[in-house]
Amino acid sequence: MNKEEQVLTGFRDLYNKMVWLNKDKMEDSLKGYKPSEVHCIECIERNVDSNVTKLAESLYMTRGAISKITQKLIKKGLIESYQKPDNNKEIYFRLTEQGKKINKVHEELHQEFRERDKAVFEQVTEEQFDSMLSFMEKYSRHLDAEIKKQGIGIKSE
């Protein structure tokens, strides 16, 4: 296996291990909520005036999928929709108090996982961080260009 394959396999393995290790705790703490719903809640909290298009772009999903998720979240009382006085066309989303509670649980779990993994990150030098970040940015730009080239943006379903 060459180094490129080792890096890609390593990224996939790391991601899979993190998901596997965090899965039970996430499911226990966020019972009744799918990962896509929790990530949508997180995205709405982080981005002011979130709408279907912004959420689709951020979560790499179709607008149709986001519409379904947001409708479920509205029914569960976790988000609410609103419109701006100067724009009656666009519908935006914000968290309800219950949605904020779910987001807080999710944030606390991620903080707990960061604490668990802190020992590894404390051993990484600034130069190593910079090198990893630089690589991820380059690879991300490349993938963005491929997505654009292939025209697989945020289409409807």
N, C-alpha and C. Protein backbone atom coordinates (compact mmCIF):
# COMPACT_ATOMS: atom_id res chain seq x y z
N MET A 1 0.85 -1.18 0.00
CA MET A 1 0.00 0.00 0.00
C MET A 1 0.90 1.24 0.00
N ASN A 2 0.64 2.15 -0.94
CA ASN A 2 1.46 3.37 -0.99
C ASN A 2 0.97 4.37 0.07
N LYS A 3 1.71 5.46 0.21
CA LYS A 3 1.39 6.43 1.27
C LYS A 3 0.02 7.08 1.07
N GLU A 4 -0.33 7.35 -0.18
CA GLU A 4 -1.64 7.94 -0.45
C GLU A 4 -2.75 7.02 0.05
N GLU A 5 -2.64 5.73 -0.28
CA GLU A 5 -3.62 4.76 0.19
C GLU A 5 -3.61 4.65 1.71
N GLN A 6 -2.43 4.72 2.31
CA GLN A 6 -2.32 4.65 3.77
C GLN A 6 -3.05 5.83 4.42
N VAL A 7 -2.87 7.03 3.84
CA VAL A 7 -3.53 8.22 4.39
C VAL A 7 -5.05 8.09 4.28
N LEU A 8 -5.53 7.72 3.08
CA LEU A 8 -6.98 7.60 2.89
C LEU A 8 -7.57 6.50 3.77
N THR A 9 -6.89 5.38 3.84
CA THR A 9 -7.36 4.29 4.70
C THR A 9 -7.31 4.72 6.16
N GLY A 10 -6.26 5.44 6.52
CA GLY A 10 -6.12 5.93 7.89
C GLY A 10 -7.24 6.88 8.28
N PHE A 11 -7.58 7.83 7.38
CA PHE A 11 -8.69 8.74 7.65
C PHE A 11 -9.99 7.98 7.85
N ARG A 12 -10.25 7.04 6.95
CA ARG A 12 -11.49 6.27 7.04
C ARG A 12 -11.54 5.46 8.33
N ASP A 13 -10.41 4.82 8.67
CA ASP A 13 -10.36 4.02 9.89
C ASP A 13 -10.54 4.88 11.15
N LEU A 14 -9.88 6.04 11.16
CA LEU A 14 -10.04 6.94 12.31
C LEU A 14 -11.50 7.36 12.46
N TYR A 15 -12.11 7.76 11.36
CA TYR A 15 -13.51 8.19 11.40
C TYR A 15 -14.40 7.05 11.90
N ASN A 16 -14.22 5.86 11.34
CA ASN A 16 -15.03 4.72 11.74
C ASN A 16 -14.84 4.37 13.22
N LYS A 17 -13.61 4.46 13.71
CA LYS A 17 -13.35 4.18 15.13
C LYS A 17 -14.03 5.21 16.02
N MET A 18 -13.95 6.47 15.62
CA MET A 18 -14.60 7.54 16.41
C MET A 18 -16.11 7.30 16.47
N VAL A 19 -16.71 7.00 15.32
CA VAL A 19 -18.15 6.76 15.27
C VAL A 19 -18.51 5.56 16.14
N TRP A 20 -17.74 4.49 16.02
CA TRP A 20 -18.00 3.27 16.78
C TRP A 20 -17.88 3.53 18.29
N LEU A 21 -16.83 4.23 18.67
CA LEU A 21 -16.57 4.50 20.08
C LEU A 21 -17.61 5.44 20.69
N ASN A 22 -18.10 6.39 19.90
CA ASN A 22 -19.03 7.40 20.40
C ASN A 22 -20.49 6.98 20.27
N LYS A 23 -20.75 5.98 19.45
CA LYS A 23 -22.10 5.58 19.07
C LYS A 23 -23.03 5.31 20.25
N ASP A 24 -22.66 4.43 21.16
CA ASP A 24 -23.55 4.06 22.26
C ASP A 24 -23.90 5.25 23.14
N LYS A 25 -22.90 6.05 23.47
CA LYS A 25 -23.13 7.21 24.32
C LYS A 25 -24.04 8.23 23.62
N MET A 26 -23.79 8.44 22.33
CA MET A 26 -24.63 9.37 21.56
C MET A 26 -26.07 8.86 21.52
N GLU A 27 -26.24 7.59 21.22
CA GLU A 27 -27.59 7.02 21.11
C GLU A 27 -28.32 7.06 22.45
N ASP A 28 -27.61 6.75 23.54
CA ASP A 28 -28.23 6.79 24.87
C ASP A 28 -28.64 8.20 25.26
N SER A 29 -27.78 9.16 25.00
CA SER A 29 -28.03 10.54 25.41
C SER A 29 -29.02 11.26 24.50
N LEU A 30 -29.11 10.82 23.26
CA LEU A 30 -29.97 11.50 22.28
C LEU A 30 -31.02 10.55 21.72
N LYS A 31 -31.59 9.74 22.63
CA LYS A 31 -32.62 8.77 22.24
C LYS A 31 -33.77 9.46 21.51
N GLY A 32 -34.22 8.83 20.45
CA GLY A 32 -35.35 9.36 19.71
C GLY A 32 -34.98 10.35 18.62
N TYR A 33 -33.68 10.63 18.49
CA TYR A 33 -33.23 11.58 17.47
C TYR A 33 -32.19 10.92 16.58
N LYS A 34 -32.40 11.04 15.28
CA LYS A 34 -31.46 10.48 14.32
C LYS A 34 -30.24 11.40 14.21
N PRO A 35 -29.07 10.84 13.86
CA PRO A 35 -27.88 11.68 13.70
C PRO A 35 -28.11 12.85 12.73
N SER A 36 -28.84 12.61 11.65
CA SER A 36 -29.09 13.69 10.68
C SER A 36 -29.90 14.82 11.33
N GLU A 37 -30.81 14.47 12.21
CA GLU A 37 -31.61 15.49 12.91
C GLU A 37 -30.74 16.30 13.86
N VAL A 38 -29.89 15.61 14.60
CA VAL A 38 -29.01 16.29 15.56
C VAL A 38 -28.03 17.20 14.82
N HIS A 39 -27.50 16.74 13.70
CA HIS A 39 -26.56 17.57 12.95
C HIS A 39 -27.27 18.77 12.32
N CYS A 40 -28.51 18.60 11.94
CA CYS A 40 -29.30 19.71 11.42
C CYS A 40 -29.53 20.75 12.52
N ILE A 41 -29.85 20.29 13.72
CA ILE A 41 -30.03 21.19 14.87
C ILE A 41 -28.74 21.95 15.12
N GLU A 42 -27.62 21.24 15.12
CA GLU A 42 -26.31 21.86 15.34
C GLU A 42 -26.04 22.94 14.28
N CYS A 43 -26.35 22.63 13.05
CA CYS A 43 -26.11 23.55 11.94
C CYS A 43 -26.99 24.80 12.06
N ILE A 44 -28.24 24.62 12.45
CA ILE A 44 -29.14 25.76 12.64
C ILE A 44 -28.62 26.66 13.75
N GLU A 45 -28.13 26.06 14.82
CA GLU A 45 -27.61 26.85 15.94
C GLU A 45 -26.37 27.65 15.54
N ARG A 46 -25.53 27.07 14.71
CA ARG A 46 -24.26 27.71 14.34
C ARG A 46 -24.42 28.78 13.26
N ASN A 47 -25.49 28.72 12.49
CA ASN A 47 -25.64 29.61 11.34
C ASN A 47 -26.92 30.43 11.46
N VAL A 48 -26.76 31.73 11.59
CA VAL A 48 -27.89 32.64 11.67
C VAL A 48 -28.68 32.58 10.36
N ASP A 49 -29.97 32.65 10.47
CA ASP A 49 -30.86 32.64 9.30
C ASP A 49 -30.64 31.42 8.41
N SER A 50 -30.65 30.25 9.04
CA SER A 50 -30.52 29.01 8.27
C SER A 50 -31.80 28.77 7.49
N ASN A 51 -31.62 28.43 6.22
CA ASN A 51 -32.76 28.02 5.39
C ASN A 51 -32.42 26.68 4.76
N VAL A 52 -33.34 26.13 3.99
CA VAL A 52 -33.14 24.81 3.40
C VAL A 52 -31.86 24.77 2.57
N THR A 53 -31.63 25.80 1.77
CA THR A 53 -30.45 25.81 0.89
C THR A 53 -29.16 25.84 1.70
N LYS A 54 -29.08 26.72 2.69
CA LYS A 54 -27.87 26.79 3.53
C LYS A 54 -27.62 25.47 4.25
N LEU A 55 -28.68 24.87 4.78
CA LEU A 55 -28.53 23.59 5.48
C LEU A 55 -28.08 22.49 4.53
N ALA A 56 -28.65 22.46 3.34
CA ALA A 56 -28.26 21.44 2.35
C ALA A 56 -26.79 21.57 1.99
N GLU A 57 -26.34 22.81 1.79
CA GLU A 57 -24.93 23.03 1.46
C GLU A 57 -24.02 22.63 2.62
N SER A 58 -24.39 22.99 3.83
CA SER A 58 -23.55 22.70 5.00
C SER A 58 -23.48 21.21 5.32
N LEU A 59 -24.59 20.51 5.11
CA LEU A 59 -24.66 19.11 5.51
C LEU A 59 -24.46 18.14 4.33
N TYR A 60 -24.19 18.69 3.13
CA TYR A 60 -23.98 17.88 1.94
C TYR A 60 -25.15 16.92 1.72
N MET A 61 -26.34 17.51 1.72
CA MET A 61 -27.57 16.76 1.48
C MET A 61 -28.39 17.51 0.44
N THR A 62 -29.40 16.85 -0.09
CA THR A 62 -30.28 17.53 -1.03
C THR A 62 -31.26 18.42 -0.27
N ARG A 63 -31.83 19.39 -0.98
CA ARG A 63 -32.85 20.25 -0.37
C ARG A 63 -34.06 19.42 0.05
N GLY A 64 -34.37 18.40 -0.76
CA GLY A 64 -35.50 17.52 -0.42
C GLY A 64 -35.30 16.80 0.91
N ALA A 65 -34.08 16.30 1.10
CA ALA A 65 -33.77 15.61 2.37
C ALA A 65 -33.85 16.58 3.54
N ILE A 66 -33.33 17.78 3.36
CA ILE A 66 -33.37 18.79 4.42
C ILE A 66 -34.82 19.18 4.73
N SER A 67 -35.64 19.31 3.70
CA SER A 67 -37.05 19.65 3.92
C SER A 67 -37.73 18.60 4.80
N LYS A 68 -37.45 17.33 4.52
CA LYS A 68 -38.03 16.25 5.33
C LYS A 68 -37.55 16.32 6.77
N ILE A 69 -36.25 16.53 6.96
CA ILE A 69 -35.68 16.59 8.31
C ILE A 69 -36.26 17.78 9.07
N THR A 70 -36.31 18.95 8.44
CA THR A 70 -36.81 20.14 9.14
C THR A 70 -38.28 19.98 9.50
N GLN A 71 -39.06 19.33 8.64
CA GLN A 71 -40.47 19.10 8.98
C GLN A 71 -40.60 18.20 10.21
N LYS A 72 -39.75 17.17 10.28
CA LYS A 72 -39.76 16.29 11.45
C LYS A 72 -39.36 17.06 12.70
N LEU A 73 -38.35 17.92 12.57
CA LEU A 73 -37.88 18.70 13.72
C LEU A 73 -38.94 19.69 14.19
N ILE A 74 -39.69 20.24 13.25
CA ILE A 74 -40.79 21.15 13.62
C ILE A 74 -41.86 20.37 14.38
N LYS A 75 -42.21 19.19 13.86
CA LYS A 75 -43.22 18.35 14.53
C LYS A 75 -42.79 17.94 15.93
N LYS A 76 -41.49 17.71 16.10
CA LYS A 76 -40.96 17.32 17.42
C LYS A 76 -40.79 18.52 18.34
N GLY A 77 -41.03 19.71 17.83
CA GLY A 77 -40.93 20.92 18.64
C GLY A 77 -39.51 21.38 18.91
N LEU A 78 -38.57 20.99 18.05
CA LEU A 78 -37.16 21.32 18.25
C LEU A 78 -36.72 22.56 17.49
N ILE A 79 -37.40 22.85 16.37
CA ILE A 79 -37.11 24.06 15.61
C ILE A 79 -38.43 24.71 15.24
N GLU A 80 -38.34 25.97 14.87
CA GLU A 80 -39.51 26.67 14.34
C GLU A 80 -39.08 27.43 13.10
N SER A 81 -40.02 27.65 12.21
CA SER A 81 -39.73 28.41 11.00
C SER A 81 -40.17 29.85 11.20
N TYR A 82 -39.55 30.73 10.45
CA TYR A 82 -39.91 32.14 10.50
C TYR A 82 -39.56 32.79 9.17
N GLN A 83 -40.13 33.95 8.96
CA GLN A 83 -39.82 34.74 7.76
C GLN A 83 -39.39 36.12 8.22
N LYS A 84 -38.59 36.75 7.40
CA LYS A 84 -38.18 38.12 7.69
C LYS A 84 -39.24 39.07 7.13
N PRO A 85 -39.44 40.20 7.81
CA PRO A 85 -40.46 41.15 7.33
C PRO A 85 -40.23 41.61 5.90
N ASP A 86 -38.98 41.71 5.50
CA ASP A 86 -38.67 42.22 4.16
C ASP A 86 -38.57 41.11 3.09
N ASN A 87 -38.83 39.85 3.49
CA ASN A 87 -38.72 38.74 2.55
C ASN A 87 -39.76 37.67 2.90
N ASN A 88 -40.91 37.76 2.25
CA ASN A 88 -41.98 36.80 2.52
C ASN A 88 -41.81 35.47 1.79
N LYS A 89 -40.83 35.42 0.91
CA LYS A 89 -40.60 34.21 0.11
C LYS A 89 -39.80 33.16 0.88
N GLU A 90 -38.72 33.59 1.51
CA GLU A 90 -37.77 32.66 2.13
C GLU A 90 -38.21 32.25 3.53
N ILE A 91 -38.04 30.97 3.83
CA ILE A 91 -38.36 30.44 5.16
C ILE A 91 -37.05 30.09 5.86
N TYR A 92 -36.91 30.56 7.09
CA TYR A 92 -35.71 30.33 7.89
C TYR A 92 -36.08 29.50 9.11
N PHE A 93 -35.05 28.97 9.76
CA PHE A 93 -35.27 28.12 10.93
C PHE A 93 -34.44 28.61 12.11
N ARG A 94 -34.98 28.40 13.30
CA ARG A 94 -34.24 28.66 14.55
C ARG A 94 -34.66 27.59 15.55
N LEU A 95 -33.80 27.40 16.56
CA LEU A 95 -34.08 26.39 17.57
C LEU A 95 -35.11 26.90 18.58
N THR A 96 -35.93 25.98 19.04
CA THR A 96 -36.81 26.26 20.16
C THR A 96 -36.00 25.99 21.44
N GLU A 97 -36.59 26.23 22.58
CA GLU A 97 -35.89 25.92 23.84
C GLU A 97 -35.54 24.45 23.91
N GLN A 98 -36.46 23.58 23.48
CA GLN A 98 -36.18 22.13 23.48
C GLN A 98 -35.04 21.80 22.51
N GLY A 99 -35.02 22.46 21.36
CA GLY A 99 -33.94 22.26 20.40
C GLY A 99 -32.60 22.68 20.97
N LYS A 100 -32.60 23.77 21.73
CA LYS A 100 -31.37 24.25 22.37
C LYS A 100 -30.88 23.24 23.40
N LYS A 101 -31.80 22.58 24.09
CA LYS A 101 -31.41 21.56 25.08
C LYS A 101 -30.75 20.37 24.38
N ILE A 102 -31.32 19.93 23.27
CA ILE A 102 -30.74 18.81 22.51
C ILE A 102 -29.36 19.20 22.00
N ASN A 103 -29.24 20.41 21.48
CA ASN A 103 -27.94 20.88 20.98
C ASN A 103 -26.91 20.93 22.10
N LYS A 104 -27.33 21.34 23.30
CA LYS A 104 -26.42 21.42 24.44
C LYS A 104 -25.92 20.01 24.81
N VAL A 105 -26.81 19.03 24.83
CA VAL A 105 -26.42 17.64 25.12
C VAL A 105 -25.39 17.19 24.09
N HIS A 106 -25.64 17.47 22.82
CA HIS A 106 -24.74 17.09 21.74
C HIS A 106 -23.38 17.75 21.91
N GLU A 107 -23.36 19.05 22.21
CA GLU A 107 -22.09 19.77 22.43
C GLU A 107 -21.33 19.20 23.61
N GLU A 108 -22.04 18.88 24.69
CA GLU A 108 -21.39 18.32 25.89
C GLU A 108 -20.77 16.95 25.58
N LEU A 109 -21.44 16.15 24.77
CA LEU A 109 -20.88 14.86 24.37
C LEU A 109 -19.60 15.05 23.57
N HIS A 110 -19.61 15.99 22.64
CA HIS A 110 -18.39 16.24 21.85
C HIS A 110 -17.26 16.75 22.75
N GLN A 111 -17.59 17.57 23.73
CA GLN A 111 -16.58 18.04 24.67
C GLN A 111 -16.00 16.87 25.47
N GLU A 112 -16.87 15.97 25.88
CA GLU A 112 -16.43 14.78 26.61
C GLU A 112 -15.49 13.93 25.74
N PHE A 113 -15.81 13.78 24.48
CA PHE A 113 -14.97 13.00 23.57
C PHE A 113 -13.63 13.71 23.35
N ARG A 114 -13.65 15.05 23.27
CA ARG A 114 -12.38 15.80 23.12
C ARG A 114 -11.51 15.62 24.36
N GLU A 115 -12.13 15.62 25.53
CA GLU A 115 -11.38 15.40 26.77
C GLU A 115 -10.75 14.00 26.76
N ARG A 116 -11.53 13.02 26.33
CA ARG A 116 -11.03 11.65 26.26
C ARG A 116 -9.80 11.55 25.36
N ASP A 117 -9.80 12.29 24.26
CA ASP A 117 -8.75 12.20 23.26
C ASP A 117 -7.65 13.24 23.43
N LYS A 118 -7.78 14.07 24.45
CA LYS A 118 -6.86 15.18 24.69
C LYS A 118 -5.39 14.76 24.75
N ALA A 119 -5.14 13.62 25.37
CA ALA A 119 -3.75 13.16 25.55
C ALA A 119 -3.01 13.04 24.22
N VAL A 120 -3.72 12.63 23.18
CA VAL A 120 -3.08 12.50 21.87
C VAL A 120 -2.77 13.87 21.29
N PHE A 121 -3.75 14.77 21.36
CA PHE A 121 -3.58 16.10 20.76
C PHE A 121 -2.55 16.95 21.50
N GLU A 122 -2.36 16.68 22.77
CA GLU A 122 -1.34 17.42 23.53
C GLU A 122 0.08 17.08 23.06
N GLN A 123 0.23 15.96 22.39
CA GLN A 123 1.55 15.54 21.90
C GLN A 123 1.86 16.05 20.49
N VAL A 124 0.87 16.66 19.85
CA VAL A 124 1.04 17.14 18.48
C VAL A 124 1.64 18.55 18.51
N THR A 125 2.67 18.75 17.71
CA THR A 125 3.32 20.07 17.66
C THR A 125 2.53 21.03 16.77
N GLU A 126 2.81 22.32 16.91
CA GLU A 126 2.18 23.33 16.06
C GLU A 126 2.45 23.04 14.59
N GLU A 127 3.68 22.66 14.29
CA GLU A 127 4.05 22.36 12.90
C GLU A 127 3.25 21.17 12.37
N GLN A 128 3.06 20.15 13.20
CA GLN A 128 2.28 19.00 12.77
C GLN A 128 0.82 19.38 12.53
N PHE A 129 0.27 20.19 13.45
CA PHE A 129 -1.10 20.67 13.26
C PHE A 129 -1.20 21.46 11.96
N ASP A 130 -0.27 22.39 11.75
CA ASP A 130 -0.28 23.21 10.54
C ASP A 130 -0.20 22.36 9.28
N SER A 131 0.64 21.33 9.33
CA SER A 131 0.80 20.44 8.18
C SER A 131 -0.49 19.67 7.91
N MET A 132 -1.11 19.14 8.96
CA MET A 132 -2.37 18.40 8.80
C MET A 132 -3.48 19.31 8.29
N LEU A 133 -3.58 20.50 8.86
CA LEU A 133 -4.61 21.45 8.44
C LEU A 133 -4.41 21.87 6.99
N SER A 134 -3.17 22.10 6.62
CA SER A 134 -2.86 22.47 5.24
C SER A 134 -3.30 21.37 4.28
N PHE A 135 -2.97 20.13 4.61
CA PHE A 135 -3.36 19.01 3.76
C PHE A 135 -4.88 18.92 3.65
N MET A 136 -5.58 19.01 4.79
CA MET A 136 -7.03 18.89 4.76
C MET A 136 -7.67 20.00 3.93
N GLU A 137 -7.14 21.22 4.04
CA GLU A 137 -7.66 22.33 3.24
C GLU A 137 -7.47 22.08 1.75
N LYS A 138 -6.26 21.63 1.37
CA LYS A 138 -5.99 21.33 -0.05
C LYS A 138 -6.92 20.23 -0.57
N TYR A 139 -7.06 19.18 0.21
CA TYR A 139 -7.89 18.05 -0.21
C TYR A 139 -9.35 18.49 -0.29
N SER A 140 -9.79 19.29 0.67
CA SER A 140 -11.16 19.79 0.68
C SER A 140 -11.43 20.65 -0.55
N ARG A 141 -10.50 21.54 -0.89
CA ARG A 141 -10.66 22.37 -2.09
C ARG A 141 -10.75 21.50 -3.35
N HIS A 142 -9.91 20.47 -3.40
CA HIS A 142 -9.94 19.54 -4.53
C HIS A 142 -11.32 18.87 -4.62
N LEU A 143 -11.83 18.38 -3.50
CA LEU A 143 -13.13 17.71 -3.51
C LEU A 143 -14.25 18.68 -3.87
N ASP A 144 -14.16 19.93 -3.38
CA ASP A 144 -15.14 20.96 -3.75
C ASP A 144 -15.16 21.16 -5.27
N ALA A 145 -13.97 21.22 -5.86
CA ALA A 145 -13.86 21.39 -7.31
C ALA A 145 -14.46 20.20 -8.04
N GLU A 146 -14.24 19.00 -7.54
CA GLU A 146 -14.80 17.79 -8.15
C GLU A 146 -16.32 17.79 -8.05
N ILE A 147 -16.83 18.19 -6.90
CA ILE A 147 -18.28 18.27 -6.71
C ILE A 147 -18.87 19.24 -7.72
N LYS A 148 -18.23 20.39 -7.85
CA LYS A 148 -18.71 21.40 -8.80
C LYS A 148 -18.63 20.88 -10.23
N LYS A 149 -17.50 20.26 -10.57
CA LYS A 149 -17.27 19.74 -11.92
C LYS A 149 -18.32 18.68 -12.28
N GLN A 150 -18.66 17.86 -11.32
CA GLN A 150 -19.63 16.79 -11.57
C GLN A 150 -21.07 17.27 -11.44
N GLY A 151 -21.24 18.51 -10.99
CA GLY A 151 -22.58 19.07 -10.87
C GLY A 151 -23.45 18.37 -9.85
N ILE A 152 -22.82 17.88 -8.78
CA ILE A 152 -23.60 17.18 -7.75
C ILE A 152 -23.81 18.09 -6.54
N GLY A 153 -24.37 19.23 -6.81
CA GLY A 153 -24.65 20.20 -5.74
C GLY A 153 -25.90 19.81 -4.99
N ILE A 154 -26.61 20.80 -4.54
CA ILE A 154 -27.76 20.61 -3.66
C ILE A 154 -29.07 20.52 -4.45
N LYS A 155 -29.13 19.55 -5.33
CA LYS A 155 -30.33 19.36 -6.15
C LYS A 155 -31.49 18.89 -5.30
N SER A 156 -32.66 19.04 -5.84
CA SER A 156 -33.84 18.42 -5.21
C SER A 156 -33.79 16.94 -5.49
N GLU A 157 -34.56 16.20 -4.73
CA GLU A 157 -34.59 14.74 -4.95
C GLU A 157 -35.52 14.37 -6.07
